[in-house]
Amino acid sequence: MATIRRPATTGRARPAAPRRRGGLSLAHHEGAITMAKEEIARGAHPDATALARQIVTAQQGEIDAIRKMLDRL
């Protein structure tokens, strides 16, 4: 039975797939902020605008975390 070996790597690997997923996640979270800001600017219902403010804060936290993760790759 043949042994499957992984190729040796040197230096620090920069995996493409996690960076690509991170980029897609950034776009997703940035889109949520864009929509929430639209609600804040034009919303007529106080509960919806309050939720939109919470979304902006939460999504910005996610964006910051993703950027930190991408910096470590």
PDB file of N, CA and C in Angstrom:
ATOM      1  N   MET A   1       0.840  -1.174   0.000  1.00  0.00           N
ATOM      2  CA  MET A   1       0.000   0.000   0.000  1.00  0.00           C
ATOM      3  C   MET A   1       0.889   1.243   0.000  1.00  0.00           C
ATOM      4  N   ALA A   2       0.608   2.161  -0.890  1.00  0.00           N
ATOM      5  CA  ALA A   2       1.427   3.358  -1.038  1.00  0.00           C
ATOM      6  C   ALA A   2       1.111   4.361   0.071  1.00  0.00           C
ATOM      7  N   THR A   3       2.129   5.056   0.492  1.00  0.00           N
ATOM      8  CA  THR A   3       1.971   6.103   1.494  1.00  0.00           C
ATOM      9  C   THR A   3       1.794   7.435   0.781  1.00  0.00           C
ATOM     10  N   ILE A   4       0.790   8.162   1.196  1.00  0.00           N
ATOM     11  CA  ILE A   4       0.551   9.477   0.610  1.00  0.00           C
ATOM     12  C   ILE A   4       1.318  10.495   1.437  1.00  0.00           C
ATOM     13  N   ARG A   5       2.127  11.272   0.782  1.00  0.00           N
ATOM     14  CA  ARG A   5       2.917  12.281   1.472  1.00  0.00           C
ATOM     15  C   ARG A   5       2.525  13.659   0.991  1.00  0.00           C
ATOM     16  N   ARG A   6       2.534  14.568   1.913  1.00  0.00           N
ATOM     17  CA  ARG A   6       2.269  15.955   1.563  1.00  0.00           C
ATOM     18  C   ARG A   6       3.573  16.597   1.122  1.00  0.00           C
ATOM     19  N   PRO A   7       3.503  17.502   0.169  1.00  0.00           N
ATOM     20  CA  PRO A   7       4.736  18.173  -0.262  1.00  0.00           C
ATOM     21  C   PRO A   7       5.294  19.037   0.866  1.00  0.00           C
ATOM     22  N   ALA A   8       6.602  19.046   0.961  1.00  0.00           N
ATOM     23  CA  ALA A   8       7.253  19.877   1.973  1.00  0.00           C
ATOM     24  C   ALA A   8       7.101  21.342   1.594  1.00  0.00           C
ATOM     25  N   THR A   9       6.907  22.169   2.606  1.00  0.00           N
ATOM     26  CA  THR A   9       6.816  23.606   2.348  1.00  0.00           C
ATOM     27  C   THR A   9       7.903  24.302   3.151  1.00  0.00           C
ATOM     28  N   THR A  10       8.349  25.370   2.608  1.00  0.00           N
ATOM     29  CA  THR A  10       9.342  26.168   3.320  1.00  0.00           C
ATOM     30  C   THR A  10       8.787  27.552   3.529  1.00  0.00           C
ATOM     31  N   GLY A  11       9.177  28.179   4.573  1.00  0.00           N
ATOM     32  CA  GLY A  11       8.689  29.529   4.834  1.00  0.00           C
ATOM     33  C   GLY A  11       7.262  29.505   5.310  1.00  0.00           C
ATOM     34  N   ARG A  12       6.675  30.647   5.312  1.00  0.00           N
ATOM     35  CA  ARG A  12       5.308  30.796   5.793  1.00  0.00           C
ATOM     36  C   ARG A  12       4.325  30.671   4.632  1.00  0.00           C
ATOM     37  N   ALA A  13       3.447  29.719   4.734  1.00  0.00           N
ATOM     38  CA  ALA A  13       2.454  29.497   3.677  1.00  0.00           C
ATOM     39  C   ALA A  13       1.390  30.594   3.737  1.00  0.00           C
ATOM     40  N   ARG A  14       0.903  30.995   2.590  1.00  0.00           N
ATOM     41  CA  ARG A  14      -0.173  31.975   2.503  1.00  0.00           C
ATOM     42  C   ARG A  14      -1.326  31.325   1.747  1.00  0.00           C
ATOM     43  N   PRO A  15      -2.129  30.560   2.477  1.00  0.00           N
ATOM     44  CA  PRO A  15      -3.183  29.796   1.806  1.00  0.00           C
ATOM     45  C   PRO A  15      -4.185  30.699   1.090  1.00  0.00           C
ATOM     46  N   ALA A  16      -4.494  30.331  -0.117  1.00  0.00           N
ATOM     47  CA  ALA A  16      -5.395  31.137  -0.944  1.00  0.00           C
ATOM     48  C   ALA A  16      -6.848  31.007  -0.503  1.00  0.00           C
ATOM     49  N   ALA A  17      -7.283  29.798  -0.178  1.00  0.00           N
ATOM     50  CA  ALA A  17      -8.698  29.591   0.148  1.00  0.00           C
ATOM     51  C   ALA A  17      -9.145  30.391   1.370  1.00  0.00           C
ATOM     52  N   PRO A  18      -8.422  30.356   2.493  1.00  0.00           N
ATOM     53  CA  PRO A  18      -8.867  31.167   3.630  1.00  0.00           C
ATOM     54  C   PRO A  18      -8.859  32.668   3.331  1.00  0.00           C
ATOM     55  N   ARG A  19      -7.903  33.125   2.539  1.00  0.00           N
ATOM     56  CA  ARG A  19      -7.866  34.544   2.178  1.00  0.00           C
ATOM     57  C   ARG A  19      -9.074  34.895   1.299  1.00  0.00           C
ATOM     58  N   ARG A  20      -9.422  33.987   0.411  1.00  0.00           N
ATOM     59  CA  ARG A  20     -10.571  34.226  -0.472  1.00  0.00           C
ATOM     60  C   ARG A  20     -11.862  34.258   0.355  1.00  0.00           C
ATOM     61  N   ARG A  21     -12.006  33.294   1.289  1.00  0.00           N
ATOM     62  CA  ARG A  21     -13.197  33.283   2.151  1.00  0.00           C
ATOM     63  C   ARG A  21     -13.246  34.544   3.005  1.00  0.00           C
ATOM     64  N   GLY A  22     -12.094  34.951   3.512  1.00  0.00           N
ATOM     65  CA  GLY A  22     -12.044  36.169   4.317  1.00  0.00           C
ATOM     66  C   GLY A  22     -12.486  37.380   3.518  1.00  0.00           C
ATOM     67  N   GLY A  23     -12.030  37.449   2.272  1.00  0.00           N
ATOM     68  CA  GLY A  23     -12.430  38.561   1.408  1.00  0.00           C
ATOM     69  C   GLY A  23     -13.922  38.565   1.138  1.00  0.00           C
ATOM     70  N   LEU A  24     -14.479  37.380   0.920  1.00  0.00           N
ATOM     71  CA  LEU A  24     -15.926  37.284   0.697  1.00  0.00           C
ATOM     72  C   LEU A  24     -16.686  37.661   1.957  1.00  0.00           C
ATOM     73  N   SER A  25     -16.171  37.247   3.107  1.00  0.00           N
ATOM     74  CA  SER A  25     -16.816  37.599   4.373  1.00  0.00           C
ATOM     75  C   SER A  25     -16.779  39.102   4.604  1.00  0.00           C
ATOM     76  N   LEU A  26     -15.648  39.720   4.281  1.00  0.00           N
ATOM     77  CA  LEU A  26     -15.559  41.178   4.422  1.00  0.00           C
ATOM     78  C   LEU A  26     -16.634  41.861   3.590  1.00  0.00           C
ATOM     79  N   ALA A  27     -16.769  41.446   2.356  1.00  0.00           N
ATOM     80  CA  ALA A  27     -17.768  42.052   1.476  1.00  0.00           C
ATOM     81  C   ALA A  27     -19.170  41.863   2.040  1.00  0.00           C
ATOM     82  N   HIS A  28     -19.431  40.693   2.591  1.00  0.00           N
ATOM     83  CA  HIS A  28     -20.740  40.392   3.175  1.00  0.00           C
ATOM     84  C   HIS A  28     -21.030  41.323   4.355  1.00  0.00           C
ATOM     85  N   HIS A  29     -20.080  41.450   5.269  1.00  0.00           N
ATOM     86  CA  HIS A  29     -20.275  42.288   6.456  1.00  0.00           C
ATOM     87  C   HIS A  29     -20.327  43.776   6.086  1.00  0.00           C
ATOM     88  N   GLU A  30     -19.527  44.180   5.123  1.00  0.00           N
ATOM     89  CA  GLU A  30     -19.576  45.573   4.666  1.00  0.00           C
ATOM     90  C   GLU A  30     -20.931  45.890   4.042  1.00  0.00           C
ATOM     91  N   GLY A  31     -21.492  44.924   3.328  1.00  0.00           N
ATOM     92  CA  GLY A  31     -22.826  45.105   2.746  1.00  0.00           C
ATOM     93  C   GLY A  31     -23.888  45.283   3.819  1.00  0.00           C
ATOM     94  N   ALA A  32     -23.746  44.531   4.907  1.00  0.00           N
ATOM     95  CA  ALA A  32     -24.695  44.672   6.019  1.00  0.00           C
ATOM     96  C   ALA A  32     -24.610  46.077   6.617  1.00  0.00           C
ATOM     97  N   ILE A  33     -23.398  46.598   6.735  1.00  0.00           N
ATOM     98  CA  ILE A  33     -23.227  47.954   7.264  1.00  0.00           C
ATOM     99  C   ILE A  33     -23.849  48.978   6.317  1.00  0.00           C
ATOM    100  N   THR A  34     -23.645  48.807   5.033  1.00  0.00           N
ATOM    101  CA  THR A  34     -24.239  49.723   4.055  1.00  0.00           C
ATOM    102  C   THR A  34     -25.758  49.748   4.178  1.00  0.00           C
ATOM    103  N   MET A  35     -26.374  48.582   4.278  1.00  0.00           N
ATOM    104  CA  MET A  35     -27.830  48.522   4.401  1.00  0.00           C
ATOM    105  C   MET A  35     -28.303  49.116   5.727  1.00  0.00           C
ATOM    106  N   ALA A  36     -27.573  48.840   6.805  1.00  0.00           N
ATOM    107  CA  ALA A  36     -27.960  49.376   8.105  1.00  0.00           C
ATOM    108  C   ALA A  36     -27.847  50.900   8.118  1.00  0.00           C
ATOM    109  N   LYS A  37     -26.796  51.427   7.506  1.00  0.00           N
ATOM    110  CA  LYS A  37     -26.651  52.887   7.450  1.00  0.00           C
ATOM    111  C   LYS A  37     -27.772  53.528   6.637  1.00  0.00           C
ATOM    112  N   GLU A  38     -28.226  52.839   5.630  1.00  0.00           N
ATOM    113  CA  GLU A  38     -29.360  53.338   4.843  1.00  0.00           C
ATOM    114  C   GLU A  38     -30.612  53.406   5.720  1.00  0.00           C
ATOM    115  N   GLU A  39     -30.800  52.395   6.526  1.00  0.00           N
ATOM    116  CA  GLU A  39     -31.945  52.388   7.443  1.00  0.00           C
ATOM    117  C   GLU A  39     -31.822  53.519   8.466  1.00  0.00           C
ATOM    118  N   ILE A  40     -30.621  53.738   8.977  1.00  0.00           N
ATOM    119  CA  ILE A  40     -30.405  54.816   9.948  1.00  0.00           C
ATOM    120  C   ILE A  40     -30.725  56.171   9.315  1.00  0.00           C
ATOM    121  N   ALA A  41     -30.306  56.353   8.076  1.00  0.00           N
ATOM    122  CA  ALA A  41     -30.505  57.634   7.396  1.00  0.00           C
ATOM    123  C   ALA A  41     -31.956  57.873   6.993  1.00  0.00           C
ATOM    124  N   ARG A  42     -32.654  56.811   6.604  1.00  0.00           N
ATOM    125  CA  ARG A  42     -33.987  57.008   6.020  1.00  0.00           C
ATOM    126  C   ARG A  42     -35.114  56.295   6.749  1.00  0.00           C
ATOM    127  N   GLY A  43     -34.758  55.534   7.765  1.00  0.00           N
ATOM    128  CA  GLY A  43     -35.775  54.738   8.450  1.00  0.00           C
ATOM    129  C   GLY A  43     -36.806  55.575   9.183  1.00  0.00           C
ATOM    130  N   ALA A  44     -38.034  55.088   9.190  1.00  0.00           N
ATOM    131  CA  ALA A  44     -39.132  55.805   9.827  1.00  0.00           C
ATOM    132  C   ALA A  44     -39.529  55.184  11.167  1.00  0.00           C
ATOM    133  N   HIS A  45     -39.014  54.000  11.454  1.00  0.00           N
ATOM    134  CA  HIS A  45     -39.416  53.287  12.666  1.00  0.00           C
ATOM    135  C   HIS A  45     -38.250  53.243  13.649  1.00  0.00           C
ATOM    136  N   PRO A  46     -38.444  53.824  14.833  1.00  0.00           N
ATOM    137  CA  PRO A  46     -37.357  53.894  15.821  1.00  0.00           C
ATOM    138  C   PRO A  46     -36.756  52.538  16.185  1.00  0.00           C
ATOM    139  N   ASP A  47     -37.586  51.508  16.275  1.00  0.00           N
ATOM    140  CA  ASP A  47     -37.050  50.180  16.609  1.00  0.00           C
ATOM    141  C   ASP A  47     -36.118  49.667  15.505  1.00  0.00           C
ATOM    142  N   ALA A  48     -36.484  49.927  14.263  1.00  0.00           N
ATOM    143  CA  ALA A  48     -35.657  49.481  13.136  1.00  0.00           C
ATOM    144  C   ALA A  48     -34.342  50.250  13.087  1.00  0.00           C
ATOM    145  N   THR A  49     -34.387  51.545  13.352  1.00  0.00           N
ATOM    146  CA  THR A  49     -33.144  52.315  13.328  1.00  0.00           C
ATOM    147  C   THR A  49     -32.258  51.942  14.507  1.00  0.00           C
ATOM    148  N   ALA A  50     -32.844  51.625  15.646  1.00  0.00           N
ATOM    149  CA  ALA A  50     -32.044  51.174  16.793  1.00  0.00           C
ATOM    150  C   ALA A  50     -31.358  49.853  16.466  1.00  0.00           C
ATOM    151  N   LEU A  51     -32.094  48.957  15.834  1.00  0.00           N
ATOM    152  CA  LEU A  51     -31.500  47.684  15.424  1.00  0.00           C
ATOM    153  C   LEU A  51     -30.390  47.920  14.402  1.00  0.00           C
ATOM    154  N   ALA A  52     -30.607  48.833  13.479  1.00  0.00           N
ATOM    155  CA  ALA A  52     -29.593  49.140  12.466  1.00  0.00           C
ATOM    156  C   ALA A  52     -28.311  49.650  13.112  1.00  0.00           C
ATOM    157  N   ARG A  53     -28.424  50.452  14.141  1.00  0.00           N
ATOM    158  CA  ARG A  53     -27.224  50.935  14.861  1.00  0.00           C
ATOM    159  C   ARG A  53     -26.477  49.771  15.513  1.00  0.00           C
ATOM    160  N   GLN A  54     -27.221  48.843  16.076  1.00  0.00           N
ATOM    161  CA  GLN A  54     -26.593  47.659  16.674  1.00  0.00           C
ATOM    162  C   GLN A  54     -25.892  46.815  15.607  1.00  0.00           C
ATOM    163  N   ILE A  55     -26.513  46.722  14.442  1.00  0.00           N
ATOM    164  CA  ILE A  55     -25.933  45.956  13.339  1.00  0.00           C
ATOM    165  C   ILE A  55     -24.614  46.583  12.904  1.00  0.00           C
ATOM    166  N   VAL A  56     -24.580  47.901  12.782  1.00  0.00           N
ATOM    167  CA  VAL A  56     -23.338  48.578  12.377  1.00  0.00           C
ATOM    168  C   VAL A  56     -22.222  48.241  13.366  1.00  0.00           C
ATOM    169  N   THR A  57     -22.506  48.349  14.653  1.00  0.00           N
ATOM    170  CA  THR A  57     -21.495  48.070  15.675  1.00  0.00           C
ATOM    171  C   THR A  57     -21.032  46.623  15.612  1.00  0.00           C
ATOM    172  N   ALA A  58     -21.974  45.698  15.539  1.00  0.00           N
ATOM    173  CA  ALA A  58     -21.626  44.276  15.518  1.00  0.00           C
ATOM    174  C   ALA A  58     -20.846  43.898  14.258  1.00  0.00           C
ATOM    175  N   GLN A  59     -21.295  44.385  13.122  1.00  0.00           N
ATOM    176  CA  GLN A  59     -20.645  44.026  11.867  1.00  0.00           C
ATOM    177  C   GLN A  59     -19.247  44.627  11.774  1.00  0.00           C
ATOM    178  N   GLN A  60     -19.071  45.828  12.325  1.00  0.00           N
ATOM    179  CA  GLN A  60     -17.736  46.426  12.322  1.00  0.00           C
ATOM    180  C   GLN A  60     -16.784  45.581  13.164  1.00  0.00           C
ATOM    181  N   GLY A  61     -17.281  45.049  14.262  1.00  0.00           N
ATOM    182  CA  GLY A  61     -16.468  44.145  15.077  1.00  0.00           C
ATOM    183  C   GLY A  61     -16.065  42.906  14.301  1.00  0.00           C
ATOM    184  N   GLU A  62     -16.987  42.365  13.529  1.00  0.00           N
ATOM    185  CA  GLU A  62     -16.686  41.196  12.702  1.00  0.00           C
ATOM    186  C   GLU A  62     -15.640  41.541  11.636  1.00  0.00           C
ATOM    187  N   ILE A  63     -15.786  42.688  11.016  1.00  0.00           N
ATOM    188  CA  ILE A  63     -14.827  43.129   9.992  1.00  0.00           C
ATOM    189  C   ILE A  63     -13.438  43.262  10.600  1.00  0.00           C
ATOM    190  N   ASP A  64     -13.361  43.872  11.769  1.00  0.00           N
ATOM    191  CA  ASP A  64     -12.061  44.027  12.433  1.00  0.00           C
ATOM    192  C   ASP A  64     -11.431  42.669  12.726  1.00  0.00           C
ATOM    193  N   ALA A  65     -12.240  41.718  13.193  1.00  0.00           N
ATOM    194  CA  ALA A  65     -11.734  40.376  13.496  1.00  0.00           C
ATOM    195  C   ALA A  65     -11.254  39.662  12.231  1.00  0.00           C
ATOM    196  N   ILE A  66     -11.992  39.781  11.145  1.00  0.00           N
ATOM    197  CA  ILE A  66     -11.601  39.140   9.885  1.00  0.00           C
ATOM    198  C   ILE A  66     -10.291  39.745   9.384  1.00  0.00           C
ATOM    199  N   ARG A  67     -10.172  41.055   9.460  1.00  0.00           N
ATOM    200  CA  ARG A  67      -8.927  41.699   8.994  1.00  0.00           C
ATOM    201  C   ARG A  67      -7.727  41.243   9.821  1.00  0.00           C
ATOM    202  N   LYS A  68      -7.904  41.097  11.116  1.00  0.00           N
ATOM    203  CA  LYS A  68      -6.818  40.585  11.971  1.00  0.00           C
ATOM    204  C   LYS A  68      -6.442  39.165  11.564  1.00  0.00           C
ATOM    205  N   MET A  69      -7.461  38.339  11.301  1.00  0.00           N
ATOM    206  CA  MET A  69      -7.215  36.968  10.880  1.00  0.00           C
ATOM    207  C   MET A  69      -6.451  36.949   9.555  1.00  0.00           C
ATOM    208  N   LEU A  70      -6.860  37.796   8.620  1.00  0.00           N
ATOM    209  CA  LEU A  70      -6.202  37.834   7.315  1.00  0.00           C
ATOM    210  C   LEU A  70      -4.764  38.314   7.452  1.00  0.00           C
ATOM    211  N   ASP A  71      -4.512  39.231   8.370  1.00  0.00           N
ATOM    212  CA  ASP A  71      -3.142  39.712   8.592  1.00  0.00           C
ATOM    213  C   ASP A  71      -2.233  38.595   9.098  1.00  0.00           C
ATOM    214  N   ARG A  72      -2.819  37.618   9.802  1.00  0.00           N
ATOM    215  CA  ARG A  72      -2.009  36.520  10.334  1.00  0.00           C
ATOM    216  C   ARG A  72      -1.734  35.426   9.309  1.00  0.00           C
ATOM    217  N   LEU A  73      -2.454  35.437   8.201  1.00  0.00           N
ATOM    218  CA  LEU A  73      -2.245  34.382   7.175  1.00  0.00           C
ATOM    219  C   LEU A  73      -0.978  34.653   6.390  1.00  0.00           C
TER     220      LEU A  73
END
